[in-house]
Protein backbone atom coordinates (compact mmCIF):
# COMPACT_ATOMS: atom_id res chain seq x y z
CA MET A 1 26.81 6.70 -2.69
CA SER A 2 23.68 8.32 -1.42
CA SER A 3 22.26 8.33 -5.05
CA THR A 4 22.82 4.38 -4.98
CA LYS A 5 21.07 3.90 -1.61
CA ASP A 6 18.09 6.37 -2.67
CA LYS A 7 17.66 3.96 -5.72
CA LEU A 8 17.76 1.01 -3.53
CA LEU A 9 15.10 2.47 -1.09
CA LYS A 10 13.04 3.29 -4.09
CA ALA A 11 13.24 -0.11 -5.40
CA ILE A 12 12.41 -1.67 -2.04
CA ASP A 13 9.31 0.61 -1.70
CA ASP A 14 8.11 -0.32 -5.09
CA THR A 15 8.59 -3.96 -4.68
CA LEU A 16 5.59 -6.33 -4.87
CA ILE A 17 5.93 -9.54 -3.17
CA GLY A 18 3.75 -12.50 -4.27
CA LEU A 19 1.58 -10.49 -6.28
CA ASP A 20 2.62 -11.32 -9.76
CA ALA A 21 -0.83 -12.83 -10.79
CA GLN A 22 -2.69 -9.83 -9.39
CA PHE A 23 -0.18 -7.39 -11.33
CA LEU A 24 -1.08 -9.13 -14.63
CA ASP A 25 -4.76 -8.96 -13.94
CA LEU A 26 -4.95 -5.46 -13.17
CA TYR A 27 -2.30 -4.71 -15.99
CA ASN A 28 -4.83 -6.30 -18.37
CA VAL A 29 -7.58 -4.06 -16.94
CA PHE A 30 -5.71 -1.12 -17.70
CA GLU A 31 -4.58 -2.32 -21.21
CA THR A 32 -8.25 -2.99 -22.20
CA PHE A 33 -9.36 0.25 -20.92
CA VAL A 34 -6.44 2.22 -22.84
CA SER A 35 -7.24 0.30 -26.27
CA THR A 36 -10.88 0.60 -26.09
CA LYS A 37 -11.35 4.01 -24.33
CA THR A 38 -14.42 2.59 -22.85
CA GLY A 39 -15.44 3.27 -19.19
CA LYS A 40 -14.41 0.33 -16.81
CA SER A 41 -14.44 -0.59 -13.13
CA CYS A 42 -12.68 -3.20 -11.11
CA LEU A 43 -12.88 -4.06 -7.26
CA ILE A 44 -9.45 -4.90 -5.45
CA VAL A 45 -9.93 -6.81 -2.21
CA GLY A 46 -7.32 -7.16 0.41
CA GLN A 47 -6.90 -6.58 4.17
CA GLU A 48 -5.39 -3.48 5.51
CA LEU A 49 -1.73 -2.71 4.37
CA SER A 50 -1.83 -5.76 1.83
CA GLY A 51 -0.49 -3.77 -1.00
CA LYS A 52 -3.61 -2.61 -2.82
CA THR A 53 -2.19 1.05 -3.34
CA THR A 54 1.37 -0.01 -4.19
CA LEU A 55 -0.10 -2.48 -6.70
CA ILE A 56 -2.32 0.22 -8.46
CA GLU A 57 0.79 2.56 -8.64
CA ALA A 58 3.05 -0.12 -9.99
CA VAL A 59 0.54 -0.71 -12.82
CA TYR A 60 -0.52 2.77 -13.89
CA LYS A 61 3.25 3.76 -14.01
CA LYS A 62 3.25 1.27 -17.02
CA PHE A 63 0.81 3.76 -18.54
CA PRO A 64 2.46 7.18 -18.28
CA ARG A 65 1.09 8.52 -21.54
CA ASP A 66 -2.53 7.73 -20.82
CA PHE A 67 -3.06 9.07 -17.41
CA VAL A 68 -1.73 12.65 -16.50
CA GLU A 69 -1.51 13.43 -13.01
CA GLN A 70 -4.40 15.97 -12.81
CA ASN A 71 -6.82 13.25 -13.90
CA ILE A 72 -6.09 10.87 -11.21
CA VAL A 73 -8.93 11.27 -8.69
CA ASN A 74 -8.68 9.75 -5.05
CA ILE A 75 -11.64 9.38 -3.04
CA ASP A 76 -11.44 7.87 0.51
CA GLY A 77 -14.61 6.52 2.17
CA HIS A 78 -13.42 7.42 5.71
CA PHE A 79 -13.08 11.09 4.77
CA CYS A 80 -15.35 12.04 1.88
CA ASP A 81 -19.08 12.39 1.98
CA ASP A 82 -21.11 12.30 -1.16
CA SER A 83 -20.82 16.05 -2.05
CA GLU A 84 -17.07 16.15 -1.69
CA GLY A 85 -16.60 12.95 -3.48
CA THR A 86 -18.66 14.41 -6.35
CA ASN A 87 -16.66 17.62 -6.34
CA LEU A 88 -13.39 15.37 -6.45
CA MET A 89 -14.74 13.59 -9.62
CA GLY A 90 -15.08 16.86 -11.53
CA ASN A 91 -16.60 17.20 -15.02
CA GLN A 92 -16.23 14.54 -17.77
CA THR A 93 -13.34 15.17 -20.04
CA LYS A 94 -12.13 13.70 -23.39
CA GLU A 95 -8.98 12.66 -21.62
CA SER A 96 -8.61 9.23 -19.81
CA LYS A 97 -9.39 9.64 -16.10
CA LEU A 98 -8.35 7.27 -13.27
CA VAL A 99 -10.70 7.18 -9.99
CA ILE A 100 -9.31 5.31 -6.96
CA VAL A 101 -12.04 4.97 -4.46
CA ASP A 102 -10.38 3.69 -1.26
CA ASN A 103 -12.23 2.15 1.65
CA PHE A 104 -15.15 1.64 -0.79
CA GLU A 105 -17.15 -0.36 1.74
CA GLN A 106 -17.86 2.88 3.42
CA PHE A 107 -19.92 4.04 0.50
CA ALA A 108 -21.63 0.78 -0.07
CA VAL A 109 -23.32 0.66 3.30
CA ARG A 110 -24.88 4.06 3.24
CA SER A 111 -28.53 4.66 3.00
CA ARG A 112 -28.09 6.58 -0.12
CA GLN A 113 -25.49 5.71 -2.67
CA GLN A 114 -25.74 8.79 -4.77
CA LEU A 115 -21.78 9.24 -4.92
CA LEU A 116 -21.47 5.61 -6.17
CA TYR A 117 -24.19 6.07 -8.79
CA THR A 118 -22.43 9.17 -10.04
CA ILE A 119 -19.01 7.47 -10.23
CA MET A 120 -20.37 4.36 -11.87
CA ASN A 121 -22.52 6.37 -14.26
CA GLN A 122 -19.48 8.46 -15.38
CA ALA A 123 -17.44 5.40 -15.82
CA CYS A 124 -20.13 3.81 -18.27
CA SER A 125 -20.57 6.95 -20.04
CA SER A 126 -17.02 8.19 -20.53
CA ASN A 127 -13.40 7.08 -20.70
CA CYS A 128 -12.98 6.69 -16.98
CA LEU A 129 -11.44 3.78 -15.24
CA VAL A 130 -12.69 3.23 -11.63
CA LEU A 131 -10.79 1.17 -9.24
CA PHE A 132 -12.67 0.27 -6.07
CA CYS A 133 -10.32 -0.84 -3.08
CA SER A 134 -11.99 -2.61 -0.17
CA ARG A 135 -11.18 -5.10 2.71
CA ASP A 136 -14.52 -6.74 2.25
CA ALA A 137 -15.14 -8.95 -0.60
CA ASN A 138 -18.94 -8.89 0.18
CA CYS A 139 -19.45 -5.18 0.17
CA THR A 140 -21.09 -5.24 -3.16
CA ASP A 141 -24.08 -7.13 -1.64
CA ALA A 142 -25.48 -3.84 -0.30
CA PHE A 143 -25.58 -2.20 -3.62
CA GLU A 144 -28.68 -0.65 -4.87
CA LYS A 145 -30.12 -1.92 -7.95
CA ARG A 146 -29.19 1.21 -10.14
CA VAL A 147 -25.58 0.83 -8.76
CA ARG A 148 -25.18 -2.77 -9.33
CA SER A 149 -26.39 -2.69 -12.95
CA ARG A 150 -23.37 -0.52 -13.76
CA PHE A 151 -20.82 -2.35 -11.73
CA SER A 152 -18.32 -4.53 -13.43
CA GLN A 153 -18.04 -8.02 -11.94
CA LYS A 154 -14.15 -7.98 -12.30
CA LYS A 155 -12.45 -8.63 -8.76
CA ILE A 156 -8.84 -8.74 -7.88
CA PHE A 157 -8.16 -10.59 -4.57
CA LEU A 158 -4.65 -9.78 -2.82
CA ASP A 159 -3.77 -13.06 -1.37
CA PRO A 160 0.03 -13.07 -1.35
CA ASP A 161 1.66 -16.20 -2.15
CA GLU A 162 2.94 -18.17 0.88
CA GLU A 163 6.52 -17.80 1.72
CA THR A 164 8.34 -17.79 4.93
CA PRO A 165 9.02 -14.15 6.25
CA ILE A 166 12.83 -14.61 5.93
CA GLU A 167 12.26 -15.38 2.28
CA ARG A 168 10.16 -12.34 1.65
CA LEU A 169 12.65 -10.23 3.51
CA SER A 170 15.47 -11.49 1.25
CA GLN A 171 13.35 -10.40 -1.76
CA LEU A 172 12.99 -7.01 -0.44
CA LEU A 173 16.55 -6.42 0.54
CA ILE A 174 17.78 -6.96 -3.02
CA PRO A 175 14.89 -5.99 -5.17
CA SER A 176 15.22 -7.33 -8.89
CA THR A 177 14.41 -3.83 -10.27
CA TRP A 178 17.34 -2.30 -8.38
CA LYS A 179 20.28 -1.61 -10.85
CA CYS A 180 23.48 -0.76 -8.76
CA LYS A 181 26.37 0.50 -10.97
CA ASP A 182 28.75 0.59 -7.80
CA LYS A 183 30.06 -2.93 -7.83
CA GLU A 184 31.72 -2.63 -4.46
CA SER A 185 28.54 -1.29 -2.73
CA LEU A 186 26.64 -4.22 -4.43
CA ILE A 187 29.02 -6.78 -3.22
CA GLN A 188 29.04 -5.41 0.40
CA TRP A 189 25.33 -4.93 0.50
CA THR A 190 24.66 -8.56 -0.93
CA LYS A 191 27.11 -9.91 1.82
CA PHE A 192 25.23 -8.32 4.51
CA CYS A 193 21.83 -9.27 3.17
CA ASN A 194 22.96 -12.86 2.85
CA GLY A 195 24.21 -12.73 6.33
CA ILE A 196 20.90 -11.68 7.62
CA CYS A 197 18.93 -14.13 5.45
CA SER A 198 20.90 -17.31 5.34
CA LYS A 199 20.50 -19.96 8.04
CA ASN A 200 20.27 -17.46 10.86
CA LYS A 201 17.61 -19.12 13.27
CA PHE A 202 17.56 -16.02 15.66
CA ILE A 203 16.67 -13.64 12.72
CA GLU A 204 14.23 -16.12 11.21
CA ARG A 205 12.47 -16.34 14.55
CA GLU A 206 12.50 -12.59 14.92
CA MET A 207 10.71 -12.12 11.43
CA GLU A 208 8.27 -14.53 12.51
CA ARG A 209 7.49 -12.67 15.52
CA VAL A 210 7.34 -9.33 13.75
CA VAL A 211 4.85 -10.84 11.25
CA SER A 212 2.52 -12.01 13.88
CA CYS A 213 2.43 -9.10 15.87
CA GLY A 214 -0.03 -6.23 15.93
CA LEU A 215 -2.34 -5.02 12.95
CA GLY A 216 -1.20 -5.02 9.35
CA THR A 217 0.06 -7.55 7.01
CA GLY A 218 3.41 -9.30 7.27
CA ILE A 219 4.52 -7.94 4.00
CA TYR A 220 4.05 -4.23 4.98
CA LYS A 221 6.11 -4.81 8.23
CA LEU A 222 8.86 -6.75 6.38
CA LYS A 223 8.97 -3.89 3.82
CA GLN A 224 9.42 -1.41 6.70
CA ILE A 225 12.25 -3.51 8.10
CA ALA A 226 13.92 -3.62 4.65
CA LEU A 227 13.56 0.21 4.33
CA LEU A 228 14.96 0.68 7.80
CA LEU A 229 17.97 -1.52 7.34
CA ALA A 230 18.96 -0.07 4.02
CA ALA A 231 18.53 3.59 5.34
CA LYS A 232 20.60 2.86 8.28
CA TYR A 233 23.22 0.40 7.18
CA PHE A 234 23.76 0.57 3.44
CA ASP A 235 26.77 3.16 3.98
CA ASN A 236 28.19 1.68 6.96
CA ILE A 237 27.75 -2.20 7.18
CA PRO A 238 27.68 -3.59 10.68
CA GLU A 239 29.40 -6.79 11.79
CA GLU A 240 26.75 -7.96 14.20
CA TYR A 241 23.89 -9.12 12.09
CA ASP A 242 21.59 -10.11 15.13
CA THR A 243 22.04 -6.70 16.80
CA ALA A 244 21.61 -4.76 13.77
CA VAL A 245 18.30 -6.50 13.12
CA THR A 246 17.05 -6.20 16.58
CA GLY A 247 17.67 -2.68 16.62
CA ILE A 248 15.42 -2.30 13.53
CA THR A 249 12.64 -4.60 14.63
CA VAL A 250 12.07 -2.75 17.79
CA MET A 251 11.07 0.20 15.95
CA VAL A 252 8.39 -1.80 13.77
CA THR A 253 7.07 -3.73 16.72
CA LEU A 254 7.91 -2.51 20.18
CA ARG A 255 8.29 -5.50 22.77
CA SER A 256 7.08 -3.65 25.84
CA SER A 257 5.43 -0.49 27.25
CA THR A 258 8.79 0.91 28.54
CA GLU A 259 10.06 0.60 24.93
CA ILE A 260 6.87 2.32 23.64
CA LEU A 261 7.46 5.28 26.05
CA ASP A 262 11.08 5.51 24.90
CA TYR A 263 9.95 5.68 21.31
CA LEU A 264 7.30 8.47 21.96
CA THR A 265 9.95 10.60 23.45
CA THR A 266 11.66 10.73 19.87
CA LEU A 267 8.61 12.12 18.41
CA GLU A 268 8.10 15.80 17.38
CA ILE A 269 5.27 17.65 19.02
CA GLN A 270 3.24 17.53 15.78
CA GLU A 271 3.73 13.87 15.44
CA VAL A 272 2.29 13.25 18.89
CA PHE A 273 -0.52 15.48 18.22
CA ILE A 274 -1.46 13.45 15.11
CA LEU A 275 -1.31 10.15 17.24
CA GLU A 276 -3.73 11.72 19.60
CA ILE A 277 -5.99 12.43 16.75
CA MET A 278 -5.82 8.77 15.49
CA ARG A 279 -6.72 7.62 19.20
CA ARG A 280 -9.74 9.69 19.37
CA LEU A 281 -10.85 8.76 15.85
CA THR A 282 -10.46 5.12 16.77
CA GLU A 283 -12.22 5.73 20.09
CA ARG A 284 -15.18 7.58 18.51
CA ASN A 285 -15.88 5.24 15.56
CA GLY A 286 -14.95 1.96 17.24
CA LEU A 287 -12.55 1.16 14.36
CA ARG A 288 -9.09 -0.04 14.88
CA GLU A 289 -8.24 -0.09 11.26
CA ILE A 290 -8.58 3.60 10.28
CA GLN A 291 -6.27 4.44 7.42
CA TYR A 292 -4.00 6.66 9.44
CA LEU A 293 -1.64 7.25 6.42
CA ASN A 294 -4.62 9.65 5.15
CA ILE A 295 -4.42 11.59 8.29
CA PHE A 296 -0.81 12.12 7.79
CA GLN A 297 -1.12 13.24 4.17
CA SER A 298 -3.91 15.62 5.07
CA LEU A 299 -2.33 17.53 8.04
């Protein structure tokens, strides 16, 4: 059973909602690069938590023979200066290299753009595919002339198709890529998901509330709800759908300061310590959208 649930959780986590056209665009970028072995770059634009990283991972997994793990480089504009980024780039190799530059706009606004020039120069002179990720579609306006001359004009915008939150949740709960061999489990889970997503006005309003609250995109929040529902209830389907959903949504968007305090008491000391680091970074930088996931991964 746990194997079936694990596969469901993996499928939910990998699911892209409303990004079919963007997937095809980026797939074509990869395919052209792999077939020509000619350096290439592309800018992927989308708000925080819109699925830029998930989209990239979904596409490059289609080319397992062309990009080995040691030749995939991640550079983050919030945490890398020019020298660190240059070191991460490493030396040019004959093998294909994938360079992902996250929070790309942080490099574009710097007075000297040496790292961008180094990256673009390597992309132009070797078999290196560079993917720039940014929330700002106009960040390339600040390019120096030497950088602009090497930058591809290819841009992919992540603007997910308009669907209601409950429609998106339904797609996430039963992903098309999930192959369940246990028929009984599939029947029970499908019945549970249909009970949540079919003509339940309370749950529809609750999903709309979750999507409209706080930072981050609705898709990201709905994916967290789908993952939590699957993790908690797949092995033990509850009878009360409303209660089950409310218990999960309160973990994603807390309703009151009392609930926030109750939630904090469940955290480990290390987790609270990381939260305090986030708070201080936000206060110091005046930036409410720091890529907190990178902090967790670094510590």
